[in-house]
Amino acid sequence: MDQINNIQVVPCTSSNHLKPFRVHYSQNGTKKSWDFMRTHESVSILIFNTTSHCFVLVKQFRPAVYVSGVTYELCAGLVDKPDLPLEEIARQGVLQECGYDVPVAKLRKITSYRSGVGVTGAKQTLFYAEVSEENHVGVGVAEGAAEPREGEVVKVPLHEAMTFAYDESIPKTMPVIFSFIWFHSNMSPKYKISTNV
């Protein structure tokens, strides 16, 4: 992980990723206001390596998480190219962040949901992908990658996944917890491996 220092918090006067708004409305006759941010929709991908029976996550520095700064997350990507289908954005995200070349046909949509509803309410679509070491081609090799890889690829063994999900000392996003529970309910019988629930 990169060494992070010289942190400064300054006002954000313009951004390619966030747009602040204030909405005024009436609810049951009471006037109210709410501040929110408009952000890009996104995709996230639960990656399971069938060779090593582990999940592939990304450990990233997130300035908004003041306590630890680092979180464990699913591989993800912004929906900032309206001409690309979500599956293709997910495929590119897996390749750029984790180095696995997964055909679009091998991506399985799990569900879509709204994240950060108190502030952003952006839609995120969750996919599942099975990979093997044969699919590993290297991290950040996709053509047209917008910027260098920001996170560290980490692996969580299947038999430790549920312990990892419920361990409050490990900073992680809700999609990690949800997707591990989804896998336990839908996929783990296929692999006949205990997931320590």
Protein backbone atom coordinates (compact mmCIF):
# COMPACT_ATOMS: atom_id res chain seq x y z
CA MET A 1 0.00 0.00 0.00
CA ASP A 2 1.21 3.50 -0.81
CA GLN A 3 2.46 5.75 1.95
CA ILE A 4 -0.10 8.51 2.52
CA ASN A 5 0.96 11.83 4.08
CA ASN A 6 0.57 15.63 3.80
CA ILE A 7 -3.24 15.37 3.92
CA GLN A 8 -5.10 18.69 3.60
CA VAL A 9 -8.86 19.17 3.65
CA VAL A 10 -9.93 22.06 1.40
CA PRO A 11 -13.26 23.22 -0.07
CA CYS A 12 -14.29 21.46 -3.28
CA THR A 13 -15.39 24.13 -5.75
CA SER A 14 -15.73 21.85 -8.80
CA SER A 15 -15.52 18.13 -9.46
CA ASN A 16 -15.91 15.65 -12.31
CA HIS A 17 -17.40 13.14 -9.86
CA LEU A 18 -19.62 15.08 -7.41
CA LYS A 19 -22.25 17.79 -7.85
CA PRO A 20 -23.82 19.24 -4.66
CA PHE A 21 -27.52 20.16 -4.60
CA ARG A 22 -30.14 21.30 -2.10
CA VAL A 23 -33.72 20.20 -2.62
CA HIS A 24 -36.68 22.02 -1.04
CA TYR A 25 -39.96 20.13 -0.71
CA SER A 26 -43.10 19.71 1.37
CA GLN A 27 -43.89 16.47 3.14
CA ASN A 28 -47.37 16.17 4.66
CA GLY A 29 -47.62 19.95 4.75
CA THR A 30 -44.23 20.51 6.40
CA LYS A 31 -41.57 22.40 4.43
CA LYS A 32 -38.22 20.61 4.38
CA SER A 33 -34.78 20.81 2.77
CA TRP A 34 -32.14 18.17 2.08
CA ASP A 35 -28.58 18.44 0.80
CA PHE A 36 -27.30 15.72 -1.49
CA MET A 37 -24.61 14.91 -4.04
CA ARG A 38 -25.23 13.70 -7.56
CA THR A 39 -22.63 11.09 -8.48
CA HIS A 40 -22.04 8.57 -11.24
CA GLU A 41 -23.76 5.23 -11.04
CA SER A 42 -21.35 2.32 -10.61
CA VAL A 43 -20.83 -1.39 -10.89
CA SER A 44 -19.17 -3.71 -8.39
CA ILE A 45 -18.02 -7.25 -8.93
CA LEU A 46 -17.71 -10.14 -6.48
CA ILE A 47 -14.75 -12.09 -7.87
CA PHE A 48 -14.25 -15.71 -6.80
CA ASN A 49 -11.04 -17.47 -7.83
CA THR A 50 -11.92 -21.12 -8.43
CA THR A 51 -8.25 -22.14 -8.51
CA SER A 52 -7.38 -20.91 -5.02
CA HIS A 53 -10.93 -20.85 -3.58
CA CYS A 54 -10.67 -17.23 -2.48
CA PHE A 55 -12.39 -13.92 -3.08
CA VAL A 56 -10.46 -11.16 -4.80
CA LEU A 57 -10.94 -7.75 -3.17
CA VAL A 58 -9.30 -4.36 -3.52
CA LYS A 59 -7.80 -2.59 -0.50
CA GLN A 60 -7.85 1.17 -1.10
CA PHE A 61 -7.12 4.40 0.70
CA ARG A 62 -10.38 6.31 1.11
CA PRO A 63 -9.95 9.81 2.58
CA ALA A 64 -13.61 9.94 3.64
CA VAL A 65 -13.00 7.08 6.08
CA TYR A 66 -11.16 9.11 8.69
CA VAL A 67 -10.67 6.36 11.28
CA SER A 68 -8.55 4.01 9.22
CA GLY A 69 -8.41 5.60 5.78
CA VAL A 70 -8.23 2.14 4.18
CA THR A 71 -11.17 -0.07 3.26
CA TYR A 72 -11.59 -3.53 1.73
CA GLU A 73 -13.90 -3.31 -1.25
CA LEU A 74 -15.22 -5.24 -4.20
CA CYS A 75 -13.69 -4.47 -7.54
CA ALA A 76 -15.75 -1.62 -8.98
CA GLY A 77 -16.06 0.93 -11.75
CA LEU A 78 -17.93 4.14 -12.50
CA VAL A 79 -20.68 4.19 -15.08
CA ASP A 80 -19.26 7.24 -16.83
CA LYS A 81 -19.42 6.01 -20.44
CA PRO A 82 -23.11 5.97 -21.40
CA ASP A 83 -22.45 4.06 -24.63
CA LEU A 84 -21.03 1.02 -22.78
CA PRO A 85 -23.26 -1.70 -21.30
CA LEU A 86 -22.87 -2.29 -17.55
CA GLU A 87 -21.39 -5.73 -18.20
CA GLU A 88 -18.59 -4.23 -20.29
CA ILE A 89 -17.84 -1.62 -17.62
CA ALA A 90 -17.69 -4.46 -15.07
CA ARG A 91 -15.39 -6.50 -17.35
CA GLN A 92 -13.03 -3.53 -17.76
CA GLY A 93 -13.05 -2.91 -14.00
CA VAL A 94 -12.05 -6.51 -13.25
CA LEU A 95 -9.22 -6.28 -15.78
CA GLN A 96 -7.93 -2.86 -14.69
CA GLU A 97 -8.19 -3.31 -10.93
CA CYS A 98 -7.54 -7.03 -10.43
CA GLY A 99 -5.90 -8.24 -13.64
CA TYR A 100 -8.39 -10.94 -14.66
CA ASP A 101 -9.67 -11.08 -18.24
CA VAL A 102 -13.27 -12.24 -17.87
CA PRO A 103 -15.57 -12.51 -20.90
CA VAL A 104 -18.79 -10.50 -20.57
CA ALA A 105 -20.78 -13.73 -20.94
CA LYS A 106 -19.21 -15.03 -17.70
CA LEU A 107 -20.51 -12.08 -15.62
CA ARG A 108 -23.68 -12.82 -13.66
CA LYS A 109 -25.83 -9.96 -12.47
CA ILE A 110 -26.81 -10.38 -8.82
CA THR A 111 -28.87 -7.22 -8.21
CA SER A 112 -28.96 -3.41 -8.28
CA TYR A 113 -29.45 -1.16 -5.26
CA ARG A 114 -29.07 2.44 -4.10
CA SER A 115 -25.99 3.21 -2.04
CA GLY A 116 -25.34 6.15 0.26
CA VAL A 117 -29.02 7.13 0.26
CA GLY A 118 -28.52 9.84 2.88
CA VAL A 119 -26.06 11.74 0.70
CA THR A 120 -25.88 10.36 -2.84
CA GLY A 121 -28.45 7.66 -3.61
CA ALA A 122 -26.45 6.50 -6.61
CA LYS A 123 -27.40 3.21 -8.23
CA GLN A 124 -24.86 0.39 -8.06
CA THR A 125 -25.21 -2.87 -9.97
CA LEU A 126 -23.55 -5.93 -8.42
CA PHE A 127 -22.11 -8.71 -10.58
CA TYR A 128 -20.52 -12.07 -9.82
CA ALA A 129 -17.57 -13.49 -11.75
CA GLU A 130 -15.68 -16.74 -11.38
CA VAL A 131 -12.05 -16.57 -12.42
CA SER A 132 -9.06 -18.90 -12.41
CA GLU A 133 -5.34 -18.34 -12.62
CA GLU A 134 -5.68 -18.96 -16.37
CA ASN A 135 -7.65 -15.68 -16.60
CA HIS A 136 -4.96 -13.67 -14.79
CA VAL A 137 -3.15 -11.41 -17.25
CA GLY A 138 -1.80 -8.71 -14.93
CA VAL A 139 -3.19 -5.66 -13.15
CA GLY A 140 -4.05 -2.49 -15.03
CA VAL A 141 -3.36 -3.86 -18.50
CA ALA A 142 -6.64 -2.75 -20.09
CA GLU A 143 -6.29 -0.33 -22.96
CA GLY A 144 -7.42 3.16 -22.19
CA ALA A 145 -7.11 2.84 -18.42
CA ALA A 146 -7.88 6.33 -17.15
CA GLU A 147 -5.36 6.32 -14.34
CA PRO A 148 -2.92 4.02 -12.57
CA ARG A 149 -4.29 1.41 -10.20
CA GLU A 150 -5.06 2.97 -6.83
CA GLY A 151 -5.60 -0.10 -4.68
CA GLU A 152 -3.91 -3.28 -3.59
CA VAL A 153 -5.38 -6.61 -4.69
CA VAL A 154 -6.03 -8.86 -1.67
CA LYS A 155 -7.44 -12.36 -1.37
CA VAL A 156 -9.83 -13.67 1.28
CA PRO A 157 -10.01 -17.49 1.49
CA LEU A 158 -13.53 -18.87 1.12
CA HIS A 159 -13.40 -20.63 4.50
CA GLU A 160 -12.63 -17.28 6.21
CA ALA A 161 -15.15 -15.17 4.27
CA MET A 162 -18.00 -15.00 6.79
CA THR A 163 -15.65 -14.33 9.68
CA PHE A 164 -14.13 -11.53 7.58
CA ALA A 165 -17.60 -10.16 6.76
CA TYR A 166 -18.66 -9.89 10.40
CA ASP A 167 -15.33 -8.76 11.87
CA GLU A 168 -15.99 -5.13 12.84
CA SER A 169 -12.27 -4.42 13.20
CA ILE A 170 -11.80 -4.88 9.42
CA PRO A 171 -12.96 -1.74 7.55
CA LYS A 172 -15.06 -2.90 4.62
CA THR A 173 -17.95 -1.71 2.48
CA MET A 174 -21.49 -3.04 2.74
CA PRO A 175 -21.32 -4.67 -0.73
CA VAL A 176 -18.50 -6.91 0.57
CA ILE A 177 -20.68 -8.11 3.45
CA PHE A 178 -23.78 -8.50 1.29
CA SER A 179 -21.97 -10.34 -1.51
CA PHE A 180 -20.27 -12.78 0.89
CA ILE A 181 -23.69 -13.58 2.41
CA TRP A 182 -25.13 -13.96 -1.12
CA PHE A 183 -22.32 -16.35 -2.05
CA HIS A 184 -22.84 -18.39 1.12
CA SER A 185 -26.57 -18.73 0.37
CA ASN A 186 -26.31 -19.34 -3.38
CA MET A 187 -22.89 -20.69 -4.32
CA SER A 188 -21.06 -22.31 -1.41
CA PRO A 189 -22.98 -25.64 -1.66
CA LYS A 190 -21.44 -25.98 -5.14
CA TYR A 191 -17.94 -25.89 -3.61
CA LYS A 192 -18.80 -27.97 -0.52
CA ILE A 193 -16.57 -25.80 1.66
CA SER A 194 -17.56 -24.38 5.03
CA THR A 195 -17.76 -20.61 5.08
CA ASN A 196 -17.60 -20.31 8.89
CA VAL A 197 -21.06 -18.94 9.56
